[in-house]
Amino acid sequence: MGRGKIEIKKIENPTNRQVTYSKRRLGLMKKAKELTVLCDAEVLIIMVSSTGKFAEYCSPSTEIKRMFDRYQQVSGVNLWSAQYEKMHNTLKHLQEINHNLRKEIRQRMGENTEGLAMEELRGLEQSLDESLKLVRNRKYHVISTQTDTYKKKLKNSHEAYRNLLHELEMRDESSEYVYLSEGHNNYEEELALANGASHLFAFQLQPNQPNLHGFRFNSHDLSLA
């Protein structure tokens, strides 16, 4: 059985309409490519769907601008005049906005205020006061944030300093200094030193200190220079 004839009218279902557009768009692109190859034709296709999606095809050896220029010559329609007019109006509008902004900046700097009426001067003064308040509030916020940050850093530094002092005091209380003379044979002390005891510190007197030989010192008896 052959395919039934499709009535040419708008497809009301948006999903079916979009599916049909996608399928036929691909078919048109395929036919345009075949015409370009088989007939050495210059083909330009521009399509915009109901959802605003843009699609185009232009022959590989063809420039879009040149195709528009040829269309203008054949049809007698100037495609660029409306666009040029629109761009010119946009440029004029932007120049006017730029002029007003520059004028407002100069007035905020105290310039070009001779022609302003009393109401305009009052409005300018109020605007400057509001701007000054915003800048002042922002400055105070930055100062407050920096102050809080510095306070936290100072507090952390004090805590680290106290921890170091406490650790140093604990080490001083638990430390014991042992004098080892030449020929020393105290097995327990030698064993402690050999095992890396952290609470023992060994030192040896020089031969020119005979009056200190044979003494044993604790942490409260010695101080390090």
Protein backbone atom coordinates (compact mmCIF):
# COMPACT_ATOMS: atom_id res chain seq x y z
CA MET A 1 0.00 0.00 0.00
CA GLY A 2 1.27 3.47 -0.84
CA ARG A 3 1.53 6.33 1.54
CA GLY A 4 -1.56 8.42 2.04
CA LYS A 5 -1.65 11.99 0.80
CA ILE A 6 -0.86 14.48 3.54
CA GLU A 7 -3.06 17.55 3.74
CA ILE A 8 -0.93 20.69 3.56
CA LYS A 9 -1.96 22.81 6.54
CA LYS A 10 -0.44 23.93 9.81
CA ILE A 11 0.25 21.10 12.22
CA GLU A 12 -1.45 22.07 15.47
CA ASN A 13 0.46 19.71 17.74
CA PRO A 14 3.76 21.49 18.60
CA THR A 15 5.70 18.24 19.06
CA ASN A 16 4.58 16.81 15.71
CA ARG A 17 5.22 20.18 14.07
CA GLN A 18 8.81 20.28 15.35
CA VAL A 19 9.46 16.67 14.28
CA THR A 20 8.14 17.34 10.81
CA TYR A 21 10.23 20.50 10.51
CA SER A 22 13.42 18.68 11.52
CA LYS A 23 12.84 15.85 9.04
CA ARG A 24 11.98 18.11 6.09
CA ARG A 25 14.82 20.50 6.92
CA LEU A 26 17.29 17.65 6.58
CA GLY A 27 15.63 16.66 3.32
CA LEU A 28 15.94 20.21 1.94
CA MET A 29 19.60 20.38 2.92
CA LYS A 30 20.24 17.07 1.17
CA LYS A 31 18.50 18.22 -2.02
CA ALA A 32 20.45 21.52 -1.96
CA LYS A 33 23.76 19.63 -1.74
CA GLU A 34 22.70 17.37 -4.63
CA LEU A 35 21.80 20.40 -6.77
CA THR A 36 25.16 21.96 -6.00
CA VAL A 37 27.08 18.86 -7.08
CA LEU A 38 24.94 17.63 -9.99
CA CYS A 39 24.05 20.96 -11.57
CA ASP A 40 26.96 23.17 -10.47
CA ALA A 41 24.38 25.55 -9.02
CA GLU A 42 24.89 28.22 -6.40
CA VAL A 43 22.39 27.47 -3.67
CA LEU A 44 21.63 29.44 -0.51
CA ILE A 45 18.98 28.30 1.98
CA ILE A 46 18.04 30.16 5.15
CA MET A 47 15.41 28.76 7.53
CA VAL A 48 14.09 29.87 10.91
CA SER A 49 11.77 27.54 12.80
CA SER A 50 8.75 28.61 14.86
CA THR A 51 10.89 28.17 17.97
CA GLY A 52 13.53 30.59 16.65
CA LYS A 53 16.15 28.01 15.63
CA PHE A 54 18.27 29.19 12.70
CA ALA A 55 19.56 26.90 9.94
CA GLU A 56 21.37 27.69 6.70
CA TYR A 57 23.13 26.08 3.78
CA CYS A 58 25.41 27.77 1.29
CA SER A 59 27.27 26.16 -1.60
CA PRO A 60 30.97 25.62 -0.81
CA SER A 61 32.07 27.88 -3.69
CA THR A 62 29.58 30.62 -2.83
CA GLU A 63 29.76 33.60 -0.45
CA ILE A 64 26.60 34.58 1.37
CA LYS A 65 27.18 38.32 0.87
CA ARG A 66 27.69 37.85 -2.87
CA MET A 67 24.42 35.90 -3.04
CA PHE A 68 22.59 38.74 -1.29
CA ASP A 69 24.14 41.28 -3.66
CA ARG A 70 23.00 39.26 -6.68
CA TYR A 71 19.52 38.97 -5.16
CA GLN A 72 19.38 42.75 -4.77
CA GLN A 73 20.40 43.26 -8.39
CA VAL A 74 17.81 40.83 -9.70
CA SER A 75 14.89 41.83 -7.43
CA GLY A 76 15.67 45.54 -7.14
CA VAL A 77 15.25 45.36 -3.36
CA ASN A 78 17.84 47.06 -1.16
CA LEU A 79 18.42 44.63 1.69
CA TRP A 80 21.00 46.78 3.46
CA SER A 81 19.23 50.13 3.68
CA ALA A 82 16.89 49.07 6.48
CA GLN A 83 19.75 47.46 8.38
CA TYR A 84 21.93 50.53 7.90
CA GLU A 85 19.14 52.78 9.14
CA LYS A 86 18.65 50.63 12.20
CA MET A 87 22.36 50.59 13.00
CA HIS A 88 22.54 54.37 12.51
CA ASN A 89 19.67 54.93 14.96
CA THR A 90 21.30 52.60 17.49
CA LEU A 91 24.61 54.48 17.20
CA LYS A 92 22.87 57.82 17.64
CA HIS A 93 21.07 56.56 20.75
CA LEU A 94 24.30 55.23 22.27
CA GLN A 95 26.09 58.52 21.57
CA GLU A 96 23.32 60.40 23.35
CA ILE A 97 23.57 58.11 26.38
CA ASN A 98 27.35 58.55 26.44
CA HIS A 99 26.99 62.35 26.27
CA ASN A 100 24.52 62.39 29.19
CA LEU A 101 26.76 60.15 31.29
CA ARG A 102 29.81 62.32 30.67
CA LYS A 103 27.77 65.40 31.57
CA GLU A 104 26.59 63.78 34.81
CA ILE A 105 30.17 62.81 35.71
CA ARG A 106 31.38 66.36 35.17
CA GLN A 107 28.55 67.72 37.32
CA ARG A 108 29.43 65.25 40.09
CA MET A 109 32.96 66.66 39.93
CA GLY A 110 31.54 70.18 40.42
CA GLU A 111 31.84 71.25 36.77
CA ASN A 112 29.21 72.57 34.32
CA THR A 113 26.74 73.48 37.07
CA GLU A 114 26.17 77.09 35.96
CA GLY A 115 23.05 76.32 33.93
CA LEU A 116 21.36 74.13 36.54
CA ALA A 117 18.19 75.29 38.24
CA MET A 118 17.63 75.14 42.01
CA GLU A 119 15.75 71.83 41.84
CA GLU A 120 18.47 70.28 39.70
CA LEU A 121 21.15 71.45 42.14
CA ARG A 122 19.21 69.98 45.07
CA GLY A 123 18.85 66.70 43.21
CA LEU A 124 22.57 66.65 42.46
CA GLU A 125 23.37 67.38 46.11
CA GLN A 126 21.07 64.57 47.29
CA SER A 127 22.61 62.15 44.80
CA LEU A 128 26.12 63.04 46.02
CA ASP A 129 25.06 62.56 49.66
CA GLU A 130 23.64 59.11 48.90
CA SER A 131 26.78 58.15 47.00
CA LEU A 132 28.94 59.37 49.88
CA LYS A 133 26.93 57.25 52.34
CA LEU A 134 27.39 54.14 50.19
CA VAL A 135 31.15 54.72 49.91
CA ARG A 136 31.41 55.38 53.66
CA ASN A 137 29.47 52.23 54.55
CA ARG A 138 31.65 50.19 52.24
CA LYS A 139 34.80 51.66 53.81
CA TYR A 140 33.61 50.87 57.34
CA HIS A 141 32.73 47.33 56.28
CA VAL A 142 36.22 46.78 54.87
CA ILE A 143 37.84 48.23 58.01
CA SER A 144 35.69 46.03 60.26
CA THR A 145 36.51 42.92 58.25
CA GLN A 146 40.24 43.63 58.32
CA THR A 147 40.12 44.36 62.07
CA ASP A 148 38.38 41.05 62.79
CA THR A 149 40.93 39.21 60.68
CA TYR A 150 43.85 40.83 62.48
CA LYS A 151 42.28 40.05 65.87
CA LYS A 152 41.94 36.38 64.94
CA LYS A 153 45.55 36.26 63.75
CA LEU A 154 46.73 37.94 66.98
CA LYS A 155 44.70 35.50 69.10
CA ASN A 156 46.14 32.53 67.24
CA SER A 157 49.66 33.92 67.70
CA HIS A 158 49.11 34.33 71.46
CA GLU A 159 47.77 30.79 71.76
CA ALA A 160 50.73 29.40 69.84
CA TYR A 161 53.10 31.40 72.07
CA ARG A 162 51.45 30.09 75.26
CA ASN A 163 51.56 26.51 73.95
CA LEU A 164 55.26 26.84 73.21
CA LEU A 165 55.96 28.25 76.69
CA HIS A 166 53.98 25.44 78.31
CA GLU A 167 55.79 22.82 76.26
CA LEU A 168 59.15 24.36 77.15
CA GLU A 169 58.27 24.37 80.87
CA MET A 170 57.21 20.71 80.72
CA ARG A 171 60.48 19.80 79.07
CA ASP A 172 62.48 21.69 81.71
CA GLU A 173 60.63 19.94 84.54
CA SER A 174 61.10 16.45 83.06
CA SER A 175 64.68 16.89 81.88
CA GLU A 176 67.68 15.49 83.79
CA TYR A 177 71.28 16.24 83.02
CA VAL A 178 73.83 13.43 83.57
CA TYR A 179 77.57 13.85 83.74
CA LEU A 180 79.56 11.00 82.22
CA SER A 181 83.21 11.01 83.04
CA GLU A 182 85.83 9.13 81.16
CA GLY A 183 85.61 5.45 81.91
CA HIS A 184 82.02 5.85 83.13
CA ASN A 185 80.39 2.43 83.56
CA ASN A 186 76.88 3.23 84.83
CA TYR A 187 74.88 0.67 82.89
CA GLU A 188 71.43 2.22 83.41
CA GLU A 189 72.46 5.69 82.29
CA GLU A 190 74.38 4.38 79.31
CA LEU A 191 71.39 2.23 78.34
CA ALA A 192 69.04 5.22 78.62
CA LEU A 193 71.31 7.31 76.42
CA ALA A 194 71.73 4.49 73.91
CA ASN A 195 67.95 4.09 73.66
CA GLY A 196 67.52 7.82 72.90
CA ALA A 197 65.85 8.81 76.17
CA SER A 198 64.42 12.28 75.62
CA HIS A 199 64.56 13.21 79.31
CA LEU A 200 68.32 12.67 79.73
CA PHE A 201 71.04 14.98 78.51
CA ALA A 202 74.66 13.83 78.71
CA PHE A 203 77.67 16.09 78.88
CA GLN A 204 81.35 15.54 79.61
CA LEU A 205 83.62 17.87 81.47
CA GLN A 206 86.92 18.95 80.06
CA PRO A 207 90.20 17.92 81.76
CA ASN A 208 90.68 21.49 82.95
CA GLN A 209 87.57 21.17 85.22
CA PRO A 210 88.76 18.68 87.88
CA ASN A 211 86.69 20.24 90.63
CA LEU A 212 83.41 19.16 88.95
CA HIS A 213 84.30 15.51 88.34
CA GLY A 214 82.11 13.00 90.14
CA PHE A 215 79.05 15.30 90.46
CA ARG A 216 75.53 14.60 89.20
CA PHE A 217 73.25 17.50 88.21
CA ASN A 218 69.52 17.86 87.79
CA SER A 219 67.65 20.41 85.65
CA HIS A 220 67.45 22.90 88.54
CA ASP A 221 71.22 22.77 89.02
CA LEU A 222 72.15 23.70 85.45
CA SER A 223 71.22 26.42 82.99
CA LEU A 224 72.15 26.51 79.31
CA ALA A 225 73.76 29.65 77.92
